N, C-alpha and C. Protein backbone atom coordinates (compact mmCIF):
# COMPACT_ATOMS: atom_id res chain seq x y z
N MET A 1 -6.89 -0.84 19.79
CA MET A 1 -7.15 -0.06 19.09
C MET A 1 -6.57 0.76 19.60
N ASP A 2 -5.37 1.36 18.08
CA ASP A 2 -4.94 2.94 18.42
C ASP A 2 -6.17 4.02 17.92
N ARG A 3 -6.67 4.15 18.98
CA ARG A 3 -7.53 5.50 18.79
C ARG A 3 -6.84 6.65 18.15
N ASP A 4 -5.92 7.06 18.78
CA ASP A 4 -5.19 7.96 18.50
C ASP A 4 -5.01 7.93 16.23
N LEU A 5 -4.77 6.79 16.07
CA LEU A 5 -4.55 6.79 15.11
C LEU A 5 -5.54 7.38 13.68
N TRP A 6 -6.80 6.68 14.28
CA TRP A 6 -8.08 6.56 13.73
C TRP A 6 -8.80 8.02 13.99
N GLN A 7 -8.57 8.81 15.05
CA GLN A 7 -8.34 10.03 15.53
C GLN A 7 -8.13 11.28 14.53
N ARG A 8 -6.76 10.50 14.28
CA ARG A 8 -6.06 11.52 13.36
C ARG A 8 -6.68 11.38 11.55
N LEU A 9 -7.37 9.84 11.02
CA LEU A 9 -7.46 9.75 10.39
C LEU A 9 -8.94 10.31 9.95
N ASP A 10 -9.09 10.38 10.90
CA ASP A 10 -11.17 10.95 10.91
C ASP A 10 -12.18 9.86 9.99
N VAL A 11 -11.91 8.61 10.87
CA VAL A 11 -12.56 7.78 9.87
C VAL A 11 -14.12 7.51 10.68
N SER A 12 -15.10 7.61 9.53
CA SER A 12 -16.14 6.80 10.29
C SER A 12 -16.11 5.47 10.68
N GLU A 13 -17.48 5.71 11.80
CA GLU A 13 -17.65 4.09 12.48
C GLU A 13 -18.16 3.07 10.78
N ALA A 14 -19.22 3.55 10.16
CA ALA A 14 -19.29 3.00 9.21
C ALA A 14 -18.14 1.99 8.13
N ALA A 15 -16.73 3.24 7.70
CA ALA A 15 -15.80 2.63 7.21
C ALA A 15 -15.40 1.49 8.15
N LEU A 16 -15.08 1.89 9.63
CA LEU A 16 -14.41 0.91 10.57
C LEU A 16 -15.46 -0.33 10.57
N GLU A 17 -16.59 -0.41 10.57
CA GLU A 17 -17.12 -1.60 10.13
C GLU A 17 -16.84 -2.22 9.23
N LYS A 18 -16.63 -1.73 8.42
CA LYS A 18 -16.25 -2.19 6.51
C LYS A 18 -14.67 -3.15 6.46
N LEU A 19 -13.81 -2.06 7.59
CA LEU A 19 -12.78 -2.97 7.64
C LEU A 19 -12.70 -3.96 8.69
N ARG A 20 -13.85 -4.28 9.89
CA ARG A 20 -14.11 -5.53 10.64
C ARG A 20 -14.37 -6.35 10.00
N LEU A 21 -15.33 -5.90 8.99
CA LEU A 21 -15.91 -7.32 7.77
C LEU A 21 -14.23 -7.53 7.43
N PHE A 22 -13.34 -7.04 7.03
CA PHE A 22 -12.49 -7.03 6.16
C PHE A 22 -11.49 -7.82 6.64
N ALA A 23 -11.23 -7.86 8.42
CA ALA A 23 -10.22 -8.49 8.68
C ALA A 23 -10.77 -9.76 9.00
N ALA A 24 -12.10 -10.19 9.07
CA ALA A 24 -12.51 -11.05 9.72
C ALA A 24 -12.87 -11.95 7.81
N LEU A 25 -12.49 -11.14 7.03
CA LEU A 25 -13.08 -12.28 5.60
C LEU A 25 -11.28 -12.64 5.73
N VAL A 26 -10.00 -12.05 5.95
CA VAL A 26 -8.58 -12.34 5.67
C VAL A 26 -8.90 -13.48 6.55
N GLU A 27 -9.10 -13.74 7.93
CA GLU A 27 -9.17 -14.26 9.09
C GLU A 27 -9.49 -15.78 8.14
N LYS A 28 -10.21 -15.74 7.71
CA LYS A 28 -11.36 -16.95 7.35
C LYS A 28 -11.12 -17.44 6.09
N TRP A 29 -10.06 -16.18 5.18
CA TRP A 29 -9.69 -17.10 3.94
C TRP A 29 -8.16 -17.71 4.36
N THR A 30 -7.47 -16.88 5.10
CA THR A 30 -6.25 -17.37 5.31
C THR A 30 -5.97 -18.89 5.83
N ALA A 31 -7.14 -19.67 6.60
CA ALA A 31 -6.88 -20.53 6.78
C ALA A 31 -7.37 -21.50 5.69
N ARG A 32 -7.15 -20.97 4.43
CA ARG A 32 -7.61 -22.00 3.47
C ARG A 32 -5.41 -21.47 1.94
N ILE A 33 -5.82 -20.28 2.05
CA ILE A 33 -4.55 -20.04 0.99
C ILE A 33 -3.70 -19.59 1.64
N ASN A 34 -3.63 -18.78 3.15
CA ASN A 34 -2.83 -18.50 3.44
C ASN A 34 -2.02 -17.10 3.35
N LEU A 35 -3.53 -16.56 3.44
CA LEU A 35 -3.43 -15.11 2.97
C LEU A 35 -1.89 -14.28 3.79
N ILE A 36 -2.08 -14.68 5.02
CA ILE A 36 -1.24 -13.93 5.73
C ILE A 36 -0.19 -15.00 7.00
N ALA A 37 0.75 -14.95 7.62
CA ALA A 37 1.12 -15.71 8.38
C ALA A 37 0.57 -15.46 9.49
N ARG A 38 -0.19 -17.26 9.29
CA ARG A 38 -0.74 -17.76 10.75
C ARG A 38 -0.79 -16.89 12.48
N SER A 39 0.37 -16.78 12.76
CA SER A 39 1.01 -16.44 13.76
C SER A 39 0.11 -15.19 14.04
N THR A 40 0.25 -14.44 12.87
CA THR A 40 0.07 -12.63 13.16
C THR A 40 -1.62 -12.55 12.96
N VAL A 41 -2.40 -13.42 12.44
CA VAL A 41 -3.76 -13.49 13.12
C VAL A 41 -4.30 -12.88 14.47
N PRO A 42 -3.80 -13.23 15.63
CA PRO A 42 -4.81 -12.89 16.67
C PRO A 42 -4.47 -11.29 16.89
N GLU A 43 -3.50 -10.70 15.95
CA GLU A 43 -3.22 -9.62 15.75
C GLU A 43 -3.48 -8.78 14.42
N ILE A 44 -4.32 -9.35 13.98
CA ILE A 44 -4.36 -9.12 12.42
C ILE A 44 -4.97 -7.16 12.81
N TRP A 45 -5.50 -6.92 13.13
CA TRP A 45 -5.88 -5.36 13.31
C TRP A 45 -4.89 -4.35 13.95
N GLN A 46 -4.04 -4.66 14.89
CA GLN A 46 -2.84 -4.02 14.69
C GLN A 46 -1.79 -4.21 13.74
N ARG A 47 -1.32 -5.69 13.81
CA ARG A 47 -0.31 -6.11 12.28
C ARG A 47 -0.37 -5.40 10.99
N HIS A 48 -1.86 -5.30 11.05
CA HIS A 48 -2.19 -5.09 9.34
C HIS A 48 -2.65 -4.19 8.89
N ILE A 49 -4.51 -4.13 9.75
CA ILE A 49 -4.96 -3.10 9.75
C ILE A 49 -4.91 -2.26 10.00
N GLU A 50 -4.21 -1.51 10.92
CA GLU A 50 -3.70 -0.35 11.26
C GLU A 50 -2.22 0.19 10.62
N ASP A 51 -1.51 -1.19 10.11
CA ASP A 51 0.06 -0.93 9.58
C ASP A 51 -0.03 -0.23 8.73
N SER A 52 -1.52 -1.10 7.64
CA SER A 52 -1.64 -0.02 6.82
C SER A 52 -2.55 0.97 6.61
N ALA A 53 -2.97 1.32 7.62
CA ALA A 53 -3.85 2.77 7.69
C ALA A 53 -3.15 3.74 7.48
N ARG A 54 -1.80 3.94 8.53
CA ARG A 54 -1.04 4.86 8.16
C ARG A 54 -0.73 5.16 7.18
N LEU A 55 -0.49 4.59 5.87
CA LEU A 55 -0.30 4.69 4.98
C LEU A 55 -0.84 6.33 4.37
N ALA A 56 -2.25 6.02 4.47
CA ALA A 56 -3.26 7.13 4.18
C ALA A 56 -3.06 8.25 5.49
N LEU A 57 -2.70 8.38 5.88
CA LEU A 57 -1.93 9.82 6.93
C LEU A 57 -1.25 10.43 5.78
N TYR A 58 -0.75 10.03 4.70
CA TYR A 58 0.49 10.80 4.00
C TYR A 58 -0.21 10.98 2.30
N ALA A 59 -1.48 10.44 2.25
CA ALA A 59 -2.29 10.28 0.93
C ALA A 59 -2.67 12.22 0.40
N PRO A 60 -1.96 12.04 -0.64
CA PRO A 60 -2.48 13.90 -1.34
C PRO A 60 -3.60 13.76 -1.70
N PRO A 61 -4.45 14.35 -1.43
CA PRO A 61 -6.12 14.56 -1.64
C PRO A 61 -6.21 14.60 -2.71
N GLU A 62 -5.62 15.05 -3.95
CA GLU A 62 -5.42 15.50 -5.85
C GLU A 62 -5.32 14.58 -6.30
N ALA A 63 -4.49 13.33 -6.00
CA ALA A 63 -4.46 12.19 -6.87
C ALA A 63 -5.67 11.67 -7.08
N ARG A 64 -5.56 10.92 -8.21
CA ARG A 64 -6.43 10.54 -8.77
C ARG A 64 -6.63 9.33 -8.99
N LEU A 65 -4.90 8.15 -9.05
CA LEU A 65 -5.00 7.27 -8.97
C LEU A 65 -3.67 6.88 -8.14
N TRP A 66 -4.06 5.56 -7.59
CA TRP A 66 -2.93 5.14 -7.07
C TRP A 66 -3.24 3.39 -7.00
N ALA A 67 -1.91 3.13 -7.25
CA ALA A 67 -1.27 1.70 -7.93
C ALA A 67 -0.79 1.22 -6.21
N ASP A 68 -1.33 -0.45 -5.74
CA ASP A 68 -0.87 -1.02 -4.63
C ASP A 68 -0.41 -1.80 -5.39
N PHE A 69 0.57 -2.68 -5.24
CA PHE A 69 1.64 -3.74 -5.90
C PHE A 69 1.59 -4.76 -4.94
N GLY A 70 1.76 -6.04 -5.79
CA GLY A 70 1.70 -7.38 -4.84
C GLY A 70 0.68 -6.94 -3.44
N SER A 71 -0.51 -7.00 -3.44
CA SER A 71 -1.29 -6.26 -2.86
C SER A 71 -1.89 -7.46 -2.14
N GLY A 72 -1.45 -8.85 -2.27
CA GLY A 72 -1.87 -10.12 -1.31
C GLY A 72 -2.98 -10.43 -0.91
N ALA A 73 -2.99 -10.24 0.29
CA ALA A 73 -4.07 -9.84 1.33
C ALA A 73 -5.27 -8.82 1.40
N GLY A 74 -4.65 -7.73 0.55
CA GLY A 74 -4.90 -6.39 0.68
C GLY A 74 -4.81 -5.42 1.75
N PHE A 75 -3.83 -5.54 1.68
CA PHE A 75 -2.32 -4.66 2.30
C PHE A 75 -1.26 -4.31 2.21
N PRO A 76 -0.98 -2.80 1.78
CA PRO A 76 -2.08 -1.60 2.21
C PRO A 76 -3.46 -1.08 1.28
N GLY A 77 -3.23 -1.83 0.20
CA GLY A 77 -4.12 -1.00 -0.84
C GLY A 77 -5.73 -0.99 -0.11
N LEU A 78 -6.38 -2.09 -0.14
CA LEU A 78 -7.62 -2.33 0.40
C LEU A 78 -8.02 -1.48 1.48
N VAL A 79 -7.15 -1.26 2.62
CA VAL A 79 -7.44 -0.46 3.90
C VAL A 79 -7.55 0.95 3.35
N VAL A 80 -6.44 1.01 2.59
CA VAL A 80 -6.41 2.66 2.09
C VAL A 80 -7.90 2.84 1.05
N ALA A 81 -7.91 2.10 0.71
CA ALA A 81 -9.12 2.69 -0.15
C ALA A 81 -9.92 2.65 0.31
N ALA A 82 -10.92 2.27 1.96
CA ALA A 82 -11.70 2.26 2.44
C ALA A 82 -11.64 3.84 3.12
N ILE A 83 -10.43 3.61 3.50
CA ILE A 83 -10.47 4.88 4.23
C ILE A 83 -10.37 6.42 3.29
N LEU A 84 -10.12 6.22 2.09
CA LEU A 84 -10.47 7.42 1.15
C LEU A 84 -11.98 7.52 0.59
N GLN A 85 -12.26 6.32 0.25
CA GLN A 85 -13.62 5.91 0.01
C GLN A 85 -14.59 6.88 1.26
N ASP A 86 -13.95 6.64 2.35
CA ASP A 86 -14.92 7.47 3.12
C ASP A 86 -14.84 8.66 3.24
N ARG A 87 -13.68 8.96 3.02
CA ARG A 87 -13.50 10.72 3.00
C ARG A 87 -13.99 11.04 1.20
N ASP A 88 -14.69 10.14 0.47
CA ASP A 88 -15.41 11.08 -0.88
C ASP A 88 -14.31 11.87 -1.61
N TRP A 89 -13.18 10.93 -1.34
CA TRP A 89 -12.41 11.51 -1.97
C TRP A 89 -12.20 10.69 -4.30
N PRO A 90 -11.64 11.79 -4.78
CA PRO A 90 -11.46 11.09 -5.66
C PRO A 90 -10.78 10.14 -6.97
N THR A 91 -9.61 9.62 -5.68
CA THR A 91 -8.83 8.64 -5.76
C THR A 91 -9.23 7.17 -6.04
N ARG A 92 -8.77 7.01 -6.96
CA ARG A 92 -8.96 5.27 -7.27
C ARG A 92 -8.38 4.33 -7.43
N LEU A 93 -8.51 3.66 -7.06
CA LEU A 93 -7.78 2.25 -6.08
C LEU A 93 -7.40 1.45 -7.01
N ILE A 94 -6.10 1.02 -7.49
CA ILE A 94 -5.77 0.01 -7.56
C ILE A 94 -4.93 -1.30 -7.30
N LEU A 95 -5.10 -2.32 -7.45
CA LEU A 95 -4.83 -3.43 -6.47
C LEU A 95 -4.19 -4.56 -7.66
N ILE A 96 -2.49 -4.49 -7.70
CA ILE A 96 -2.51 -5.51 -8.34
C ILE A 96 -1.79 -6.77 -7.67
N GLU A 97 -2.25 -7.78 -7.93
CA GLU A 97 -1.69 -9.19 -7.27
C GLU A 97 -1.68 -9.95 -8.36
N SER A 98 -0.54 -10.75 -8.79
CA SER A 98 -0.24 -11.76 -9.91
C SER A 98 -0.71 -13.22 -9.50
N ASP A 99 -0.61 -13.35 -7.81
CA ASP A 99 -1.47 -14.29 -7.92
C ASP A 99 -3.22 -14.51 -7.94
N LEU A 100 -3.24 -15.54 -8.81
CA LEU A 100 -5.08 -15.66 -9.18
C LEU A 100 -5.48 -15.87 -7.80
N ARG A 101 -5.33 -16.83 -6.66
CA ARG A 101 -5.94 -17.10 -5.45
C ARG A 101 -6.10 -15.90 -4.51
N LYS A 102 -5.12 -15.26 -4.34
CA LYS A 102 -5.35 -14.11 -3.71
C LYS A 102 -6.04 -13.35 -4.46
N ALA A 103 -5.68 -13.11 -5.54
CA ALA A 103 -6.71 -11.84 -6.40
C ALA A 103 -8.12 -11.92 -6.70
N THR A 104 -8.27 -13.82 -6.37
CA THR A 104 -10.01 -13.78 -6.05
C THR A 104 -10.73 -13.95 -5.13
N PHE A 105 -9.74 -13.67 -3.94
CA PHE A 105 -10.09 -13.08 -2.64
C PHE A 105 -10.16 -11.65 -2.60
N LEU A 106 -9.48 -11.24 -3.24
CA LEU A 106 -9.33 -9.55 -3.16
C LEU A 106 -10.62 -9.31 -4.02
N ARG A 107 -10.95 -9.76 -4.82
CA ARG A 107 -12.57 -9.21 -5.62
C ARG A 107 -13.76 -9.62 -4.67
N GLU A 108 -13.47 -11.30 -3.79
CA GLU A 108 -14.41 -11.53 -3.25
C GLU A 108 -14.46 -10.56 -1.86
N ALA A 109 -13.47 -9.59 -1.53
CA ALA A 109 -13.42 -8.94 -0.37
C ALA A 109 -14.10 -7.62 -0.68
N VAL A 110 -13.65 -7.28 -1.93
CA VAL A 110 -14.25 -6.12 -2.33
C VAL A 110 -15.86 -6.13 -2.51
N ARG A 111 -16.65 -7.04 -3.41
CA ARG A 111 -17.62 -7.75 -3.25
C ARG A 111 -18.36 -7.35 -1.73
N GLN A 112 -18.08 -8.28 -0.67
CA GLN A 112 -18.83 -8.22 0.19
C GLN A 112 -18.51 -6.90 1.59
N THR A 113 -17.71 -6.27 1.30
CA THR A 113 -17.42 -5.03 2.24
C THR A 113 -17.49 -3.84 1.22
N GLY A 114 -17.65 -4.00 -0.01
CA GLY A 114 -18.90 -2.43 -0.40
C GLY A 114 -17.06 -1.59 -0.50
N ILE A 115 -16.09 -1.75 -0.34
CA ILE A 115 -14.97 -0.98 -0.25
C ILE A 115 -15.05 -1.09 -2.10
N SER A 116 -14.38 -0.05 -2.35
CA SER A 116 -14.28 0.64 -3.81
C SER A 116 -12.54 0.84 -4.36
N ALA A 117 -12.84 -0.38 -4.92
CA ALA A 117 -11.46 -0.90 -4.96
C ALA A 117 -11.50 -1.68 -6.59
N GLU A 118 -10.21 -1.29 -7.89
CA GLU A 118 -10.42 -2.66 -8.94
C GLU A 118 -8.98 -3.62 -8.91
N ILE A 119 -9.45 -4.83 -8.55
CA ILE A 119 -8.33 -5.60 -8.93
C ILE A 119 -7.48 -6.64 -10.71
N ARG A 120 -6.65 -6.53 -10.10
CA ARG A 120 -5.71 -6.34 -11.50
C ARG A 120 -4.79 -7.72 -11.16
N ALA A 121 -5.22 -9.22 -11.03
CA ALA A 121 -4.57 -10.10 -11.27
C ALA A 121 -3.55 -10.67 -12.53
N GLU A 122 -2.08 -9.67 -12.37
CA GLU A 122 -1.23 -8.66 -13.53
C GLU A 122 -0.01 -9.11 -13.14
N ARG A 123 1.31 -9.43 -13.88
CA ARG A 123 2.68 -8.75 -12.91
C ARG A 123 2.31 -7.34 -13.45
N SER A 124 3.20 -7.03 -12.63
CA SER A 124 3.41 -5.50 -12.90
C SER A 124 4.75 -4.87 -13.81
N GLU A 125 5.52 -5.71 -14.51
CA GLU A 125 6.03 -5.57 -15.52
C GLU A 125 5.55 -6.00 -16.85
N LYS A 126 3.94 -6.58 -16.72
CA LYS A 126 3.51 -6.99 -17.97
C LYS A 126 2.09 -6.14 -17.98
N LEU A 127 2.08 -4.79 -17.64
CA LEU A 127 0.84 -4.09 -17.81
C LEU A 127 1.86 -2.55 -18.15
N PRO A 128 0.96 -2.15 -19.52
CA PRO A 128 1.39 -0.77 -19.50
C PRO A 128 1.52 -0.07 -18.39
N GLY A 129 2.46 1.02 -18.43
CA GLY A 129 2.20 2.24 -17.57
C GLY A 129 0.56 2.68 -16.73
N LEU A 130 0.84 3.00 -15.00
CA LEU A 130 -0.41 3.19 -15.40
C LEU A 130 -0.47 4.71 -15.27
N GLN A 131 0.71 5.18 -15.26
CA GLN A 131 0.46 6.78 -14.76
C GLN A 131 -0.20 7.17 -13.53
N ALA A 132 0.10 5.95 -12.17
CA ALA A 132 -0.37 6.30 -11.08
C ALA A 132 0.26 7.52 -10.37
N ASP A 133 -0.66 8.51 -9.67
CA ASP A 133 0.25 9.34 -8.75
C ASP A 133 0.30 8.87 -7.43
N VAL A 134 0.43 7.93 -6.88
CA VAL A 134 0.76 7.04 -5.62
C VAL A 134 0.92 5.67 -5.80
N VAL A 135 2.32 5.42 -5.81
CA VAL A 135 2.51 3.89 -5.80
C VAL A 135 3.05 3.31 -4.74
N SER A 136 2.44 2.42 -3.85
CA SER A 136 2.95 1.90 -2.68
C SER A 136 3.00 -0.15 -2.76
N ALA A 137 3.49 0.02 -2.49
CA ALA A 137 3.63 -1.78 -1.48
C ALA A 137 4.30 -2.07 -0.25
N ARG A 138 3.97 -3.28 0.51
CA ARG A 138 4.39 -3.71 1.65
C ARG A 138 4.24 -4.77 1.51
N ALA A 139 6.10 -5.15 2.17
CA ALA A 139 6.74 -6.37 2.30
C ALA A 139 6.85 -6.93 1.14
N LEU A 140 6.90 -6.74 -0.34
CA LEU A 140 7.18 -7.18 -1.34
C LEU A 140 8.06 -7.50 -1.92
N ALA A 141 9.10 -6.27 -2.02
CA ALA A 141 10.44 -6.00 -2.55
C ALA A 141 11.38 -5.21 -2.18
N ALA A 142 12.85 -5.10 -1.97
CA ALA A 142 13.54 -4.72 -1.69
C ALA A 142 13.47 -2.71 -2.63
N LEU A 143 13.86 -2.36 -1.74
CA LEU A 143 13.45 -0.61 -2.46
C LEU A 143 14.06 0.26 -4.01
N ASP A 144 15.32 -0.52 -4.19
CA ASP A 144 15.43 -0.64 -5.35
C ASP A 144 14.80 -1.06 -6.35
N ASN A 145 14.68 -2.55 -6.27
CA ASN A 145 13.35 -2.65 -7.57
C ASN A 145 11.66 -2.58 -7.35
N LEU A 146 11.66 -2.15 -6.07
CA LEU A 146 10.11 -1.07 -6.01
C LEU A 146 10.08 0.14 -7.08
N LEU A 147 11.57 0.83 -6.67
CA LEU A 147 11.49 2.09 -7.29
C LEU A 147 11.52 2.04 -9.06
N GLU A 148 11.99 0.64 -9.59
CA GLU A 148 11.82 0.08 -10.84
C GLU A 148 10.28 0.22 -11.04
N THR A 149 9.80 -0.20 -10.08
CA THR A 149 7.69 -0.79 -10.40
C THR A 149 7.50 1.16 -10.16
N MET A 150 8.04 2.06 -9.68
CA MET A 150 7.35 2.83 -9.44
C MET A 150 8.01 4.02 -10.84
N ASP A 151 9.08 3.92 -11.32
CA ASP A 151 9.13 4.53 -11.91
C ASP A 151 8.53 4.16 -13.70
N LEU A 152 8.27 2.77 -14.23
CA LEU A 152 7.40 2.39 -14.80
C LEU A 152 5.96 2.74 -15.22
N HIS A 153 5.26 2.81 -13.58
CA HIS A 153 4.37 3.11 -13.25
C HIS A 153 3.92 4.56 -12.92
N GLY A 154 5.01 5.09 -12.47
CA GLY A 154 4.06 6.36 -11.55
C GLY A 154 4.15 7.38 -12.87
N ALA A 155 2.85 8.38 -12.61
CA ALA A 155 3.15 9.74 -12.92
C ALA A 155 4.42 10.38 -12.69
N PRO A 156 4.36 11.86 -14.02
CA PRO A 156 5.41 12.52 -13.73
C PRO A 156 5.20 13.33 -11.90
N GLY A 157 6.06 13.19 -11.14
CA GLY A 157 5.69 13.46 -9.81
C GLY A 157 5.03 12.99 -8.71
N ALA A 158 4.78 11.46 -8.92
CA ALA A 158 4.35 10.73 -7.74
C ALA A 158 4.55 10.69 -7.06
N LYS A 159 4.07 9.68 -6.03
CA LYS A 159 4.55 9.61 -4.60
C LYS A 159 5.13 8.00 -4.19
N GLY A 160 6.18 7.63 -4.08
CA GLY A 160 5.37 6.42 -3.83
C GLY A 160 5.80 6.25 -1.93
N LEU A 161 5.02 5.18 -1.44
CA LEU A 161 4.26 5.07 -0.39
C LEU A 161 5.37 3.74 0.39
N PHE A 162 6.20 3.00 0.97
CA PHE A 162 6.59 1.90 1.31
C PHE A 162 7.28 1.92 2.54
N PRO A 163 5.91 1.35 3.32
CA PRO A 163 6.54 0.08 4.31
C PRO A 163 8.13 -0.52 4.48
N LYS A 164 8.92 0.29 5.60
CA LYS A 164 10.27 -0.93 5.75
C LYS A 164 10.86 -1.02 7.19
N GLY A 165 11.15 -2.19 7.78
CA GLY A 165 11.59 -2.79 8.92
C GLY A 165 12.93 -1.69 8.68
N GLU A 166 13.74 -2.72 9.95
CA GLU A 166 14.84 -1.91 10.77
C GLU A 166 16.00 -1.67 9.92
N THR A 167 16.40 -2.22 8.64
CA THR A 167 17.19 -2.17 7.64
C THR A 167 16.50 -1.38 6.62
N TRP A 168 15.59 -0.43 6.65
CA TRP A 168 15.56 0.70 5.66
C TRP A 168 16.55 1.41 5.26
N GLY A 169 17.33 1.65 6.38
CA GLY A 169 18.60 2.86 5.97
C GLY A 169 19.52 2.00 4.84
N ASP A 170 19.66 0.99 5.34
CA ASP A 170 20.57 -0.21 4.06
C ASP A 170 19.56 0.02 2.98
N GLU A 171 18.30 -0.52 2.67
CA GLU A 171 17.89 -0.58 1.36
C GLU A 171 17.83 1.32 0.74
N VAL A 172 17.89 2.26 1.62
CA VAL A 172 18.04 3.41 1.16
C VAL A 172 19.18 3.98 0.42
N ALA A 173 20.29 3.34 0.87
CA ALA A 173 22.00 3.68 0.33
C ALA A 173 22.11 2.61 -0.31
N ALA A 174 21.33 1.53 -0.84
CA ALA A 174 21.58 0.74 -1.95
C ALA A 174 20.93 1.50 -3.03
N ALA A 175 19.61 1.93 -3.14
CA ALA A 175 18.93 2.09 -4.60
C ALA A 175 19.23 3.52 -5.04
N ARG A 176 20.31 4.55 -3.72
CA ARG A 176 20.67 5.68 -4.32
C ARG A 176 21.67 5.30 -5.06
N LYS A 177 22.58 4.38 -5.51
CA LYS A 177 23.45 4.01 -6.30
C LYS A 177 22.60 4.31 -7.94
N SER A 178 21.18 3.52 -7.83
CA SER A 178 20.81 3.63 -9.14
C SER A 178 20.12 5.28 -9.78
N TRP A 179 19.67 5.22 -8.55
CA TRP A 179 18.29 6.56 -8.24
C TRP A 179 18.43 7.81 -7.50
N SER A 180 18.03 8.75 -8.19
CA SER A 180 18.07 9.96 -6.96
C SER A 180 16.29 10.17 -6.75
N PHE A 181 15.95 10.55 -5.32
CA PHE A 181 14.68 10.98 -4.90
C PHE A 181 14.96 11.61 -3.87
N THR A 182 13.98 12.96 -3.74
CA THR A 182 13.74 12.89 -2.29
C THR A 182 12.58 12.17 -0.97
N LEU A 183 13.01 12.21 -0.34
CA LEU A 183 12.83 11.33 0.77
C LEU A 183 12.32 11.68 2.01
N ASP A 184 11.04 11.55 2.98
CA ASP A 184 10.80 11.79 4.16
C ASP A 184 10.82 9.92 4.86
N ALA A 185 10.89 9.77 6.13
CA ALA A 185 10.97 8.37 6.76
C ALA A 185 10.42 9.31 7.66
N HIS A 186 9.05 8.44 7.93
CA HIS A 186 8.04 8.79 8.76
C HIS A 186 7.91 7.33 10.44
N ALA A 187 8.29 7.75 11.05
CA ALA A 187 8.39 6.52 12.06
C ALA A 187 7.04 5.88 12.71
N ASP A 188 7.23 4.69 12.31
CA ASP A 188 5.96 3.69 12.36
C ASP A 188 6.02 3.16 13.58
N PRO A 189 5.07 3.89 14.45
CA PRO A 189 4.82 3.10 15.91
C PRO A 189 4.14 1.33 16.34
N GLY A 190 3.76 1.22 14.95
CA GLY A 190 3.13 0.12 15.19
C GLY A 190 4.48 -1.21 15.07
N HIS A 191 5.58 -0.91 14.61
CA HIS A 191 6.90 -1.30 14.27
C HIS A 191 8.12 -0.93 14.76
N LYS A 192 8.73 -2.22 15.81
CA LYS A 192 10.16 -1.54 16.30
C LYS A 192 10.48 -1.60 14.65
N GLY A 193 11.50 -0.26 15.30
CA GLY A 193 12.20 0.52 14.14
C GLY A 193 11.59 0.33 12.75
N GLY A 194 10.58 0.28 12.61
CA GLY A 194 9.66 -0.03 11.06
C GLY A 194 9.75 2.37 11.06
N ILE A 195 9.08 2.24 9.56
CA ILE A 195 9.48 3.66 8.95
C ILE A 195 8.64 2.86 7.71
N ILE A 196 8.11 4.55 7.35
CA ILE A 196 7.06 4.53 6.12
C ILE A 196 8.25 5.51 5.09
N LEU A 197 8.24 5.10 4.49
CA LEU A 197 9.43 5.63 3.43
C LEU A 197 8.48 6.92 2.30
N GLU A 198 8.48 8.12 2.16
CA GLU A 198 7.13 8.66 1.15
C GLU A 198 8.88 9.57 0.42
N LEU A 199 8.39 8.99 -0.86
CA LEU A 199 9.22 9.25 -1.95
C LEU A 199 9.12 10.07 -3.18
N GLY A 200 9.76 10.92 -3.31
CA GLY A 200 9.25 11.84 -4.82
C GLY A 200 10.14 12.02 -5.55
N ASN A 201 9.77 12.64 -6.43
CA ASN A 201 11.22 13.15 -7.63
C ASN A 201 11.91 12.20 -7.89
N LEU A 202 11.38 11.30 -8.33
CA LEU A 202 12.14 9.78 -8.60
C LEU A 202 12.88 10.09 -10.12
N HIS A 203 13.94 9.98 -10.51
CA HIS A 203 14.82 9.59 -11.47
C HIS A 203 15.84 8.92 -11.19
N ARG A 204 16.45 7.84 -12.94
CA ARG A 204 17.54 6.99 -12.44
C ARG A 204 18.48 8.09 -11.95
N ALA A 205 19.78 7.89 -11.76
CA ALA A 205 20.84 8.53 -11.09
C ALA A 205 21.55 8.98 -12.37
N GLY A 206 21.81 10.37 -12.52
CA GLY A 206 22.79 10.49 -13.82
C GLY A 206 21.73 10.60 -14.95
N ARG A 207 20.07 10.55 -14.42
CA ARG A 207 18.87 11.45 -15.75
C ARG A 207 18.10 11.92 -15.04
N ASP A 208 17.89 13.25 -15.63
CA ASP A 208 16.84 13.83 -14.92
C ASP A 208 15.41 13.59 -15.42
N ARG A 209 14.68 12.82 -14.88
CA ARG A 209 13.38 12.54 -15.38
C ARG A 209 12.48 13.26 -16.28
N THR A 210 12.26 14.41 -16.25
CA THR A 210 11.67 15.20 -16.88
C THR A 210 12.63 15.62 -18.23
N ALA A 211 13.44 15.31 -18.31
CA ALA A 211 14.50 15.46 -19.12
C ALA A 211 13.83 14.63 -21.10
């Protein structure tokens, strides 16, 4: 366990217990519907729980709605939901997962753990704009495609939080051909060369979003 991370997040023992229960549910269900790569199950806490929890370091306290796309096994959305719920923040979490089996798992995880989150078993492009203050996705698509989702579902001034691997620089360069945005790249100590991209002020290149 990365004790420094959990101290920075100031997470209670009750919230950690919810996350332990959630991790156990992921492991159990993975044997049936392959929620995560089975090779990563022995490292579920470090590879998935803590990797997701780091996004909460950059959560804006004033956010009313956080939309997590391609939530899969609940990473990062359900982990972030547990942490923000523990802080008693007003942020509402919506997890969008088009795979019905995975959405069923997410609903069961919410029921058993008591983590507060709304699950939507729909494709992001079929949803009306959510006007989310924060948009996140983990291991879902290239950054250029994620920014399409953020543009559709983000409120004016929305923040994007996207964990990326060693080739993140190439993805940013490709995305800047179509998009303009501010960017902070936060090192992810859980992954060699990993980064959490924190984006803001998004608009299509050549067009002011507020125009």
